[in-house]
Amino acid sequence: MKYAFPDNFWWGSASSALQTEGAREGETTWDYWFAREPNRFHNGVGPQQTSTFYQNWKTDIQLLKQLNHNSFRTSISWARLIPDGIGEVNPEAVDFYNQVIDELNEQGITPFITLFHFDMPMAMQEIGGWENRDVVDAYARYAQICFELFGDRVLHWFTFNEPIVPVEGGYLYDFHYPNVVDFRRAATVAYHTVLAHAKAVQAYRAGHYAGEIGIVLNLTPSYPRSQNPADVKAAHIADLMFNRSFLDPVLRGEYPADLVALLKSYDQLPACKPEDGFLIAEGKIDLLGVNYYQPRRVKCRDSAVNPQAPFMPEWFFDNYEMPGRKMNPYRGWEIYAPGIYDILVNLRDNYDNPRCFISENGMGVENEQRFIENGQINDQYRIEFISEHLSWLHKGISEGCNCLGYHMWTFIDNWSWCNAYKNRYGFIQLDLETQQRTIKKSGEWFAATALNNSFEKE
């Protein structure tokens, strides 16, 4: 069967500044954490050892062209542009980002630029990070500087990438710095992130720029184990906490009433100011980026909550391992392609069918070198993963979902947080020792798909 996509469909990939550029003048939380706890990072590889995009941006953009990208998402590093987060702008960073943006446009590759992709400047974290409203204001200033510097050539902006992840990692589950486990502080970080987003949107609108502004959310469909009311309620609460806590403010301009009521009943609401509601209402977006990797399967709790335990989302549900599920054993994630369709249908039916695109989707595999054939990684498993997801994406589009493109994570094997280089995601293989780049079989497949705006699948 042939799957043809709409004209002007966005074909591309995504990456981030911190994961590709390498060392910078301004210290981030990742630099600070790695210097103190390198054992928390796979093989002790830290954020300085990335895919050297800062040095090789021109040839890397040529590779994007070879992959027939018509669009590419990356981020600006707040700490590179403004090393202390609030002071002077670094002119070398301005030159670098100007060159990258100009080269992308010159090659016919539309730049999609994210303002914050987990890379908090350490100077901002030292005064409380997203727990401190002064940092919200500092971020709004940083966003405005970016719009002024690059807004004439960047027409697609995103305030945050996966804002729920720093909340989960830094304040609930101990996989990001500052390694806090405290739901009330997590709720404050999430709330202030929404305020920061809204302030950036406000600044963009005030500047009357030619483009559009959005946000990138990792939407993880919450599937109940069964249709038993207890399981359905558990899935609803998981959805409220992990999806709708950001989705509703950016698309509806307000929080879900049942989420507010739930947190209020457990005395977990963050401190609010009277004017916050007006600001959040102004944060409604033009374009939603959707990152999708795996579903969330939940069931009602089988045991009572320890009353002495700290308040956590898992007070209301347990994770459920569905028998027979298809797994990526290297990442420990379920592979469930229909989830991408379910996300789009939910957006269509419950959120007025917003303009959106798949901003990340991908499959990380460990030790890919074992699949080298004639000097090239034969990653047929990645081709199958992409084509399966694209076929469900195509179904959503054919049923009226307003999805404008598909970006894969990622174009070249890059450093990935605490996993470092354990799992590889790229269309292009990176040899860490020589920095040599080699296109994988999936890269050739994707280049052909983008060129033809279609693919065939049995």
Protein backbone atom coordinates (compact mmCIF):
# COMPACT_ATOMS: atom_id res chain seq x y z
CA MET A 1 0.00 0.00 0.00
CA LYS A 2 1.21 3.50 -0.83
CA TYR A 3 0.97 6.21 1.83
CA ALA A 4 1.06 9.69 0.26
CA PHE A 5 1.22 12.78 2.44
CA PRO A 6 -0.21 16.28 1.93
CA ASP A 7 1.68 18.87 -0.12
CA ASN A 8 4.24 20.89 1.85
CA PHE A 9 4.41 18.23 4.58
CA TRP A 10 7.31 18.88 6.96
CA TRP A 11 9.89 16.11 6.72
CA GLY A 12 12.83 16.42 9.07
CA SER A 13 14.40 15.59 12.39
CA ALA A 14 14.97 17.15 15.79
CA SER A 15 17.94 17.75 18.05
CA SER A 16 18.96 20.14 20.84
CA ALA A 17 21.79 22.54 21.56
CA LEU A 18 23.00 20.81 24.70
CA GLN A 19 23.04 17.38 23.09
CA THR A 20 24.96 18.37 19.97
CA GLU A 21 27.00 21.54 20.40
CA GLY A 22 29.55 20.61 23.06
CA ALA A 23 31.19 22.81 25.67
CA ARG A 24 30.01 26.40 26.17
CA GLU A 25 31.03 29.40 28.21
CA GLY A 26 27.95 29.35 30.42
CA GLU A 27 27.60 26.43 32.84
CA THR A 28 24.34 24.47 32.82
CA THR A 29 22.86 22.22 35.49
CA TRP A 30 24.12 19.27 33.42
CA ASP A 31 27.72 20.51 33.49
CA TYR A 32 27.49 21.10 37.23
CA TRP A 33 25.87 17.73 37.99
CA PHE A 34 28.28 15.79 35.78
CA ALA A 35 31.30 17.41 37.45
CA ARG A 36 30.05 16.20 40.83
CA GLU A 37 28.44 12.85 40.00
CA PRO A 38 29.92 11.47 36.76
CA ASN A 39 28.89 7.99 37.94
CA ARG A 40 25.26 8.94 37.24
CA PHE A 41 26.08 9.11 33.52
CA HIS A 42 26.52 6.05 31.27
CA ASN A 43 30.24 5.22 30.96
CA GLY A 44 31.01 8.53 32.68
CA VAL A 45 30.37 10.51 29.46
CA GLY A 46 29.21 14.07 30.10
CA PRO A 47 27.67 16.94 28.11
CA GLN A 48 31.00 18.21 26.77
CA GLN A 49 31.32 15.07 24.63
CA THR A 50 28.58 15.68 22.10
CA SER A 51 28.38 15.40 18.32
CA THR A 52 30.43 18.59 17.73
CA PHE A 53 27.73 20.52 15.87
CA TYR A 54 29.39 23.74 17.08
CA GLN A 55 32.44 22.91 14.95
CA ASN A 56 30.73 20.94 12.14
CA TRP A 57 27.44 22.77 11.65
CA LYS A 58 28.05 23.49 7.97
CA THR A 59 28.81 19.91 6.96
CA ASP A 60 26.05 18.61 9.23
CA ILE A 61 23.54 20.86 7.46
CA GLN A 62 24.81 19.42 4.16
CA LEU A 63 23.95 15.99 5.57
CA LEU A 64 20.44 17.23 6.44
CA LYS A 65 20.16 18.31 2.81
CA GLN A 66 21.30 14.84 1.73
CA LEU A 67 18.52 13.35 3.87
CA ASN A 68 16.07 15.58 1.94
CA HIS A 69 14.97 17.47 5.03
CA ASN A 70 12.77 20.47 4.31
CA SER A 71 12.72 21.38 8.03
CA PHE A 72 14.85 20.83 11.12
CA ARG A 73 14.27 21.53 14.79
CA THR A 74 17.06 22.41 17.18
CA SER A 75 17.37 24.72 20.18
CA ILE A 76 19.25 27.79 21.28
CA SER A 77 21.27 27.29 24.45
CA TRP A 78 20.25 29.92 27.00
CA ALA A 79 23.60 29.38 28.76
CA ARG A 80 25.57 29.85 25.54
CA LEU A 81 23.71 33.02 24.55
CA ILE A 82 23.58 34.56 28.05
CA PRO A 83 26.15 32.68 30.17
CA ASP A 84 24.76 33.76 33.55
CA GLY A 85 21.15 33.64 32.35
CA ILE A 86 20.38 37.30 32.96
CA GLY A 87 23.38 39.50 31.99
CA GLU A 88 25.32 40.26 28.84
CA VAL A 89 24.69 38.55 25.52
CA ASN A 90 27.63 36.51 24.21
CA PRO A 91 28.47 37.88 20.71
CA GLU A 92 30.17 34.60 19.67
CA ALA A 93 26.91 32.75 20.36
CA VAL A 94 24.98 35.28 18.29
CA ASP A 95 27.41 34.75 15.39
CA PHE A 96 27.10 30.96 15.69
CA TYR A 97 23.29 30.89 15.72
CA ASN A 98 23.10 33.45 12.92
CA GLN A 99 25.33 31.26 10.75
CA VAL A 100 23.30 28.12 11.50
CA ILE A 101 19.95 29.82 10.81
CA ASP A 102 21.21 31.47 7.62
CA GLU A 103 22.73 28.24 6.30
CA LEU A 104 19.55 26.25 7.01
CA ASN A 105 17.45 28.80 5.15
CA GLU A 106 19.94 28.95 2.29
CA GLN A 107 19.74 25.17 1.89
CA GLY A 108 15.94 25.24 1.83
CA ILE A 109 15.64 23.72 5.30
CA THR A 110 13.16 25.64 7.45
CA PRO A 111 14.52 26.19 10.98
CA PHE A 112 12.25 25.29 13.89
CA ILE A 113 13.82 26.77 17.02
CA THR A 114 13.19 25.75 20.63
CA LEU A 115 14.12 28.16 23.42
CA PHE A 116 14.50 25.71 26.31
CA HIS A 117 15.44 22.05 25.96
CA PHE A 118 16.31 21.04 29.57
CA ASP A 119 19.42 23.28 29.65
CA MET A 120 18.93 25.52 32.70
CA PRO A 121 21.86 27.92 33.24
CA MET A 122 23.45 26.96 36.56
CA ALA A 123 23.37 30.59 37.72
CA MET A 124 19.57 30.47 37.38
CA GLN A 125 19.32 27.13 39.19
CA GLU A 126 21.38 28.55 42.06
CA ILE A 127 18.59 31.03 42.78
CA GLY A 128 15.94 28.31 42.66
CA GLY A 129 15.43 27.52 38.99
CA TRP A 130 11.78 27.33 37.97
CA GLU A 131 10.75 27.54 41.62
CA ASN A 132 11.73 31.22 41.54
CA ARG A 133 9.58 33.74 39.65
CA ASP A 134 12.71 35.83 39.02
CA VAL A 135 13.87 33.01 36.75
CA VAL A 136 10.52 33.18 34.92
CA ASP A 137 11.24 36.86 34.22
CA ALA A 138 14.86 36.09 33.20
CA TYR A 139 13.59 33.48 30.74
CA ALA A 140 11.05 35.95 29.29
CA ARG A 141 13.91 38.43 28.71
CA TYR A 142 16.02 35.69 27.08
CA ALA A 143 13.10 34.76 24.80
CA GLN A 144 12.59 38.37 23.76
CA ILE A 145 16.31 38.73 22.97
CA CYS A 146 16.10 35.62 20.75
CA PHE A 147 13.07 36.99 18.91
CA GLU A 148 14.84 40.32 18.34
CA LEU A 149 18.06 38.67 17.14
CA PHE A 150 16.64 35.89 14.96
CA GLY A 151 12.90 36.48 14.53
CA ASP A 152 13.29 37.92 11.05
CA ARG A 153 14.54 34.53 9.77
CA VAL A 154 13.00 32.01 12.18
CA LEU A 155 9.28 31.62 11.56
CA HIS A 156 8.58 28.65 13.86
CA TRP A 157 9.37 29.09 17.57
CA PHE A 158 8.80 26.76 20.52
CA THR A 159 9.02 27.97 24.09
CA PHE A 160 9.82 24.62 25.72
CA ASN A 161 10.61 21.04 24.79
CA GLU A 162 8.84 18.44 26.96
CA PRO A 163 8.34 20.72 30.00
CA ILE A 164 6.92 17.83 32.06
CA VAL A 165 10.31 16.06 31.93
CA PRO A 166 12.31 18.49 34.13
CA VAL A 167 9.35 18.33 36.54
CA GLU A 168 9.46 14.53 36.64
CA GLY A 169 13.25 14.22 36.49
CA GLY A 170 14.26 17.06 38.77
CA TYR A 171 11.48 17.07 41.36
CA LEU A 172 9.79 13.65 41.42
CA TYR A 173 11.88 10.73 40.14
CA ASP A 174 15.54 11.74 40.56
CA PHE A 175 16.84 11.59 36.97
CA HIS A 176 17.58 15.31 36.44
CA TYR A 177 19.36 17.82 38.66
CA PRO A 178 18.50 19.07 41.35
CA ASN A 179 17.38 15.51 42.26
CA VAL A 180 14.55 16.61 44.54
CA VAL A 181 11.61 14.37 45.47
CA ASP A 182 8.85 16.75 46.52
CA PHE A 183 5.49 16.99 44.75
CA ARG A 184 4.63 20.50 45.94
CA ARG A 185 7.93 21.81 44.58
CA ALA A 186 7.32 19.83 41.38
CA ALA A 187 3.90 21.48 41.02
CA THR A 188 5.48 24.91 41.51
CA VAL A 189 8.10 24.18 38.82
CA ALA A 190 5.37 23.04 36.40
CA TYR A 191 3.21 26.08 37.16
CA HIS A 192 6.04 28.57 36.77
CA THR A 193 7.05 26.89 33.49
CA VAL A 194 3.55 27.57 32.16
CA LEU A 195 3.88 31.21 33.29
CA ALA A 196 7.29 31.45 31.57
CA HIS A 197 5.79 29.99 28.40
CA ALA A 198 2.94 32.50 28.50
CA LYS A 199 5.33 35.43 29.02
CA ALA A 200 7.35 34.34 25.98
CA VAL A 201 4.18 34.05 23.88
CA GLN A 202 3.13 37.50 25.10
CA ALA A 203 6.51 38.96 24.07
CA TYR A 204 6.30 37.32 20.65
CA ARG A 205 2.82 38.68 20.00
CA ALA A 206 3.89 42.16 21.16
CA GLY A 207 6.76 42.10 18.65
CA HIS A 208 4.39 41.46 15.69
CA TYR A 209 6.80 38.94 14.16
CA ALA A 210 5.95 37.28 10.88
CA GLY A 211 6.03 33.71 12.16
CA GLU A 212 4.28 31.58 14.78
CA ILE A 213 4.97 30.36 18.29
CA GLY A 214 4.16 27.08 20.01
CA ILE A 215 5.43 24.50 22.44
CA VAL A 216 6.61 20.90 22.17
CA LEU A 217 4.88 18.44 24.53
CA ASN A 218 5.62 14.76 24.97
CA LEU A 219 2.10 13.36 24.93
CA THR A 220 1.88 9.89 26.39
CA PRO A 221 -1.58 8.36 25.98
CA SER A 222 -2.84 6.88 29.26
CA TYR A 223 -4.54 3.56 28.60
CA PRO A 224 -6.49 1.85 31.41
CA ARG A 225 -5.95 -1.87 32.00
CA SER A 226 -9.71 -2.40 31.59
CA GLN A 227 -12.97 -0.50 31.38
CA ASN A 228 -13.59 -1.12 35.07
CA PRO A 229 -14.41 2.32 36.57
CA ALA A 230 -11.47 2.09 38.98
CA ASP A 231 -8.99 1.53 36.12
CA VAL A 232 -10.62 4.25 33.99
CA LYS A 233 -10.35 6.73 36.87
CA ALA A 234 -6.68 5.82 37.38
CA ALA A 235 -5.93 6.47 33.70
CA HIS A 236 -7.83 9.77 33.84
CA ILE A 237 -5.71 11.02 36.76
CA ALA A 238 -2.48 9.94 35.05
CA ASP A 239 -3.60 11.85 31.94
CA LEU A 240 -4.39 14.95 34.01
CA MET A 241 -1.01 14.98 35.69
CA PHE A 242 1.29 14.06 32.83
CA ASN A 243 -0.49 15.33 29.71
CA ARG A 244 -3.23 17.82 30.47
CA SER A 245 -1.23 19.77 33.07
CA PHE A 246 0.51 21.42 30.08
CA LEU A 247 -1.83 20.62 27.18
CA ASP A 248 -4.87 22.44 28.57
CA PRO A 249 -3.10 25.70 29.49
CA VAL A 250 -1.41 26.05 26.07
CA LEU A 251 -4.46 25.08 23.99
CA ARG A 252 -7.35 26.27 26.19
CA GLY A 253 -5.66 28.94 28.27
CA GLU A 254 -6.68 27.32 31.55
CA TYR A 255 -6.05 24.30 33.77
CA PRO A 256 -8.43 21.31 33.94
CA ALA A 257 -10.85 21.98 36.81
CA ASP A 258 -10.61 18.39 38.08
CA LEU A 259 -6.79 18.59 38.27
CA VAL A 260 -7.03 21.80 40.31
CA ALA A 261 -9.66 20.23 42.58
CA LEU A 262 -7.57 17.08 43.08
CA LEU A 263 -4.40 18.95 44.04
CA LYS A 264 -6.36 21.34 46.24
CA SER A 265 -7.91 18.47 48.18
CA TYR A 266 -4.40 17.20 49.02
CA ASP A 267 -3.02 20.68 49.72
CA GLN A 268 -0.57 20.45 46.80
CA LEU A 269 -1.48 23.55 44.78
CA PRO A 270 1.37 25.98 44.04
CA ALA A 271 1.14 29.59 45.17
CA CYS A 272 -0.78 31.68 42.62
CA LYS A 273 -1.15 35.41 42.04
CA PRO A 274 -4.45 37.00 40.97
CA GLU A 275 -3.02 38.13 37.63
CA ASP A 276 -1.68 34.65 36.72
CA GLY A 277 -4.96 33.56 35.17
CA PHE A 278 -4.91 36.42 32.66
CA LEU A 279 -1.30 35.63 31.75
CA ILE A 280 -1.99 31.89 31.25
CA ALA A 281 -4.95 32.75 29.00
CA GLU A 282 -2.55 34.74 26.78
CA GLY A 283 -0.27 31.72 26.37
CA LYS A 284 -2.44 29.96 23.78
CA ILE A 285 -0.28 28.75 20.91
CA ASP A 286 -0.26 28.75 17.11
CA LEU A 287 1.42 25.37 16.63
CA LEU A 288 1.80 22.28 18.82
CA GLY A 289 4.78 19.97 18.55
CA VAL A 290 3.98 16.41 19.66
CA ASN A 291 6.74 14.09 20.86
CA TYR A 292 5.59 10.48 20.98
CA TYR A 293 7.69 7.50 22.02
CA GLN A 294 5.57 5.16 24.14
CA PRO A 295 2.15 4.74 25.76
CA ARG A 296 1.43 4.83 29.48
CA ARG A 297 -0.61 1.84 30.68
CA VAL A 298 -2.13 2.12 34.12
CA LYS A 299 -4.40 0.32 36.53
CA CYS A 300 -5.97 1.18 39.85
CA ARG A 301 -3.74 0.63 42.87
CA ASP A 302 -3.75 -2.87 44.29
CA SER A 303 -2.50 -1.73 47.69
CA ALA A 304 -3.17 1.10 50.09
CA VAL A 305 -0.90 4.14 50.15
CA ASN A 306 1.51 4.38 53.05
CA PRO A 307 0.23 7.47 54.91
CA GLN A 308 3.82 8.35 55.87
CA ALA A 309 5.04 8.28 52.26
CA PRO A 310 5.52 11.57 50.40
CA PHE A 311 2.63 12.60 48.15
CA MET A 312 3.23 11.31 44.62
CA PRO A 313 1.19 10.78 41.44
CA GLU A 314 1.36 7.03 42.11
CA TRP A 315 -1.01 7.51 45.05
CA PHE A 316 -3.73 7.25 42.39
CA PHE A 317 -2.57 4.55 39.97
CA ASP A 318 -0.09 1.74 39.33
CA ASN A 319 1.76 1.06 36.12
CA TYR A 320 0.39 -1.91 34.18
CA GLU A 321 2.49 -4.23 32.04
CA MET A 322 0.18 -5.42 29.30
CA PRO A 323 0.81 -9.06 28.38
CA GLY A 324 2.18 -9.49 24.86
CA ARG A 325 3.26 -5.90 24.47
CA LYS A 326 5.96 -5.18 21.88
CA MET A 327 9.08 -3.80 23.52
CA ASN A 328 12.27 -1.95 22.68
CA PRO A 329 14.45 -3.90 25.12
CA TYR A 330 17.32 -1.42 25.00
CA ARG A 331 15.28 1.54 26.21
CA GLY A 332 12.71 -0.47 28.17
CA TRP A 333 9.85 1.22 26.32
CA GLU A 334 6.78 -0.31 24.74
CA ILE A 335 6.43 0.19 20.99
CA TYR A 336 2.82 1.02 20.20
CA ALA A 337 2.36 2.82 16.87
CA PRO A 338 -1.45 3.33 17.16
CA GLY A 339 -0.70 5.72 20.04
CA ILE A 340 0.30 8.39 17.53
CA TYR A 341 -3.15 8.11 15.93
CA ASP A 342 -4.92 8.22 19.30
CA ILE A 343 -3.08 11.45 20.21
CA LEU A 344 -4.14 13.12 16.95
CA VAL A 345 -7.76 12.01 17.32
CA ASN A 346 -7.85 13.33 20.89
CA LEU A 347 -6.53 16.69 19.68
CA ARG A 348 -9.07 16.73 16.86
CA ASP A 349 -12.08 15.79 18.98
CA ASN A 350 -11.32 17.49 22.30
CA TYR A 351 -9.07 20.47 21.47
CA ASP A 352 -10.57 21.95 18.27
CA ASN A 353 -8.08 20.17 15.99
CA PRO A 354 -5.06 22.48 16.46
CA ARG A 355 -2.27 22.86 13.93
CA CYS A 356 0.29 20.32 15.05
CA PHE A 357 3.12 18.12 13.87
CA ILE A 358 5.05 15.15 15.20
CA SER A 359 8.14 16.89 16.55
CA GLU A 360 9.86 13.72 17.83
CA ASN A 361 9.46 10.00 17.37
CA GLY A 362 12.31 7.55 17.50
CA MET A 363 13.92 4.30 18.51
CA GLY A 364 17.15 4.05 20.47
CA VAL A 365 19.20 0.87 20.05
CA GLU A 366 22.31 -0.20 21.94
CA ASN A 367 25.51 -1.36 20.22
CA GLU A 368 24.32 -0.71 16.67
CA GLN A 369 27.81 -1.46 15.33
CA ARG A 370 26.88 -5.15 15.31
CA PHE A 371 24.51 -4.38 12.42
CA ILE A 372 27.21 -2.97 10.14
CA GLU A 373 27.12 -4.50 6.65
CA ASN A 374 29.55 -3.24 4.01
CA GLY A 375 30.45 -0.24 6.16
CA GLN A 376 26.84 0.83 6.81
CA ILE A 377 24.50 0.17 9.73
CA ASN A 378 21.56 -1.86 8.43
CA ASP A 379 18.90 -0.59 10.85
CA GLN A 380 15.88 -2.22 9.24
CA TYR A 381 14.24 -2.23 12.69
CA ARG A 382 14.23 1.60 12.63
CA ILE A 383 12.71 1.68 9.15
CA GLU A 384 9.94 -0.65 10.35
CA PHE A 385 9.42 1.52 13.44
CA ILE A 386 9.10 4.72 11.37
CA SER A 387 6.91 3.24 8.65
CA GLU A 388 4.56 1.73 11.24
CA HIS A 389 4.15 5.07 13.00
CA LEU A 390 3.81 6.95 9.72
CA SER A 391 1.04 4.62 8.57
CA TRP A 392 -0.98 5.44 11.72
CA LEU A 393 -0.14 9.13 11.32
CA HIS A 394 -1.41 8.92 7.74
CA LYS A 395 -4.66 7.39 8.99
CA GLY A 396 -5.14 10.32 11.36
CA ILE A 397 -4.53 12.85 8.58
CA SER A 398 -6.95 10.99 6.27
CA GLU A 399 -9.59 11.33 9.01
CA GLY A 400 -9.17 15.09 9.28
CA CYS A 401 -6.46 15.51 11.93
CA ASN A 402 -4.52 18.73 11.38
CA CYS A 403 -1.00 17.24 11.43
CA LEU A 404 1.47 19.11 9.23
CA GLY A 405 4.68 17.11 9.50
CA TYR A 406 6.92 14.45 11.00
CA HIS A 407 10.31 14.99 12.63
CA MET A 408 12.38 12.03 13.75
CA TRP A 409 14.67 11.98 16.78
CA THR A 410 17.37 12.44 15.62
CA PHE A 411 19.51 13.19 12.57
CA ILE A 412 22.84 12.04 14.06
CA ASP A 413 23.69 9.85 17.05
CA ASN A 414 24.00 12.31 19.92
CA TRP A 415 24.61 12.56 23.65
CA SER A 416 21.44 11.75 25.53
CA TRP A 417 21.41 12.95 29.13
CA CYS A 418 22.25 10.25 31.71
CA ASN A 419 22.22 7.61 28.95
CA ALA A 420 25.03 9.44 27.13
CA TYR A 421 25.69 7.29 24.02
CA LYS A 422 24.21 4.03 25.36
CA ASN A 423 21.34 4.03 22.85
CA ARG A 424 21.75 5.43 19.35
CA TYR A 425 18.83 7.19 17.63
CA GLY A 426 20.32 8.83 14.54
CA PHE A 427 19.79 8.52 10.82
CA ILE A 428 23.55 9.05 10.74
CA GLN A 429 26.11 6.98 12.63
CA LEU A 430 28.66 8.94 14.65
CA ASP A 431 32.10 7.47 15.37
CA LEU A 432 32.97 9.09 18.69
CA GLU A 433 36.72 8.72 18.24
CA THR A 434 37.03 10.09 14.72
CA GLN A 435 33.74 12.11 14.60
CA GLN A 436 33.15 10.50 11.18
CA ARG A 437 29.53 10.58 10.02
CA THR A 438 28.03 7.69 8.01
CA ILE A 439 24.42 7.57 6.80
CA LYS A 440 22.54 4.50 8.03
CA LYS A 441 20.11 2.51 5.92
CA SER A 442 17.22 4.29 7.70
CA GLY A 443 18.67 7.64 6.60
CA GLU A 444 18.55 6.53 2.96
CA TRP A 445 14.98 5.27 3.43
CA PHE A 446 13.90 8.54 5.04
CA ALA A 447 15.57 10.59 2.29
CA ALA A 448 13.59 8.68 -0.35
CA THR A 449 10.34 9.03 1.63
CA ALA A 450 10.83 12.80 2.02
CA LEU A 451 11.75 13.21 -1.65
CA ASN A 452 8.66 11.30 -2.80
CA ASN A 453 6.40 12.66 -0.04
CA SER A 454 5.25 9.05 0.30
CA PHE A 455 6.32 5.50 1.04
CA GLU A 456 5.07 2.00 0.33
CA LYS A 457 4.40 -0.64 2.94
CA GLU A 458 3.10 -4.18 2.64
